[in-house]
Amino acid sequence: MIDFEEELKKFHPSLEVEQVEDNVYKNKPKDMSDLLDEMLKEMKGGRRQ
């Protein structure tokens, strides 16, 4: 039979998950609208010569 109390004492959260959470919150990943804005700015900048 499993001793849940003993198993809980052994549990340690994965460092990878914590690292990913930190990176996501710090870096604010771009969404589609951000990418489209960048593309439009590049296109407009390329036309001016």
C-alpha atoms as a PDB file:
ATOM      1  CA  MET A   1       0.000   0.000   0.000  1.00  0.00           C
ATOM      2  CA  ILE A   2       1.193   3.551  -0.745  1.00  0.00           C
ATOM      3  CA  ASP A   3       2.017   5.802   2.179  1.00  0.00           C
ATOM      4  CA  PHE A   4       0.916   9.187   0.838  1.00  0.00           C
ATOM      5  CA  GLU A   5       2.458  11.154   3.673  1.00  0.00           C
ATOM      6  CA  GLU A   6       5.851   9.592   2.986  1.00  0.00           C
ATOM      7  CA  GLU A   7       5.521  10.205  -0.753  1.00  0.00           C
ATOM      8  CA  LEU A   8       4.648  13.864  -0.164  1.00  0.00           C
ATOM      9  CA  LYS A   9       7.804  14.294   1.906  1.00  0.00           C
ATOM     10  CA  LYS A  10       9.874  13.039  -1.047  1.00  0.00           C
ATOM     11  CA  PHE A  11       8.191  15.333  -3.569  1.00  0.00           C
ATOM     12  CA  HIS A  12      10.247  18.146  -5.117  1.00  0.00           C
ATOM     13  CA  PRO A  13       8.847  20.323  -7.909  1.00  0.00           C
ATOM     14  CA  SER A  14      10.634  20.210 -11.222  1.00  0.00           C
ATOM     15  CA  LEU A  15      13.135  23.039 -11.654  1.00  0.00           C
ATOM     16  CA  GLU A  16      12.414  23.107 -15.370  1.00  0.00           C
ATOM     17  CA  VAL A  17       8.810  24.169 -14.804  1.00  0.00           C
ATOM     18  CA  GLU A  18       9.864  26.984 -12.491  1.00  0.00           C
ATOM     19  CA  GLN A  19      12.502  28.154 -14.971  1.00  0.00           C
ATOM     20  CA  VAL A  20       9.992  28.200 -17.811  1.00  0.00           C
ATOM     21  CA  GLU A  21       7.515  30.189 -15.733  1.00  0.00           C
ATOM     22  CA  ASP A  22      10.182  32.757 -14.860  1.00  0.00           C
ATOM     23  CA  ASN A  23      11.236  33.143 -18.492  1.00  0.00           C
ATOM     24  CA  VAL A  24       7.686  33.514 -19.753  1.00  0.00           C
ATOM     25  CA  TYR A  25       6.789  36.180 -17.217  1.00  0.00           C
ATOM     26  CA  LYS A  26      10.053  38.106 -17.675  1.00  0.00           C
ATOM     27  CA  ASN A  27      10.225  38.069 -21.480  1.00  0.00           C
ATOM     28  CA  LYS A  28       6.558  38.560 -22.440  1.00  0.00           C
ATOM     29  CA  PRO A  29       6.377  36.406 -25.564  1.00  0.00           C
ATOM     30  CA  LYS A  30       5.113  38.077 -28.734  1.00  0.00           C
ATOM     31  CA  ASP A  31       1.682  37.355 -30.079  1.00  0.00           C
ATOM     32  CA  MET A  32       0.437  37.594 -33.664  1.00  0.00           C
ATOM     33  CA  SER A  33      -0.445  41.286 -33.438  1.00  0.00           C
ATOM     34  CA  ASP A  34       3.092  42.126 -32.245  1.00  0.00           C
ATOM     35  CA  LEU A  35       4.569  40.197 -35.170  1.00  0.00           C
ATOM     36  CA  LEU A  36       2.264  41.895 -37.686  1.00  0.00           C
ATOM     37  CA  ASP A  37       3.162  45.335 -36.284  1.00  0.00           C
ATOM     38  CA  GLU A  38       6.865  44.578 -36.719  1.00  0.00           C
ATOM     39  CA  MET A  39       6.336  43.338 -40.274  1.00  0.00           C
ATOM     40  CA  LEU A  40       4.373  46.460 -41.220  1.00  0.00           C
ATOM     41  CA  LYS A  41       7.050  48.722 -39.761  1.00  0.00           C
ATOM     42  CA  GLU A  42       9.730  46.878 -41.733  1.00  0.00           C
ATOM     43  CA  MET A  43       7.695  47.094 -44.932  1.00  0.00           C
ATOM     44  CA  LYS A  44       7.091  50.830 -44.500  1.00  0.00           C
ATOM     45  CA  GLY A  45      10.763  51.425 -43.685  1.00  0.00           C
ATOM     46  CA  GLY A  46      11.871  49.520 -46.784  1.00  0.00           C
ATOM     47  CA  ARG A  47       9.823  51.681 -49.154  1.00  0.00           C
ATOM     48  CA  ARG A  48      11.468  54.927 -48.072  1.00  0.00           C
ATOM     49  CA  GLN A  49      14.721  55.464 -49.882  1.00  0.00           C
END
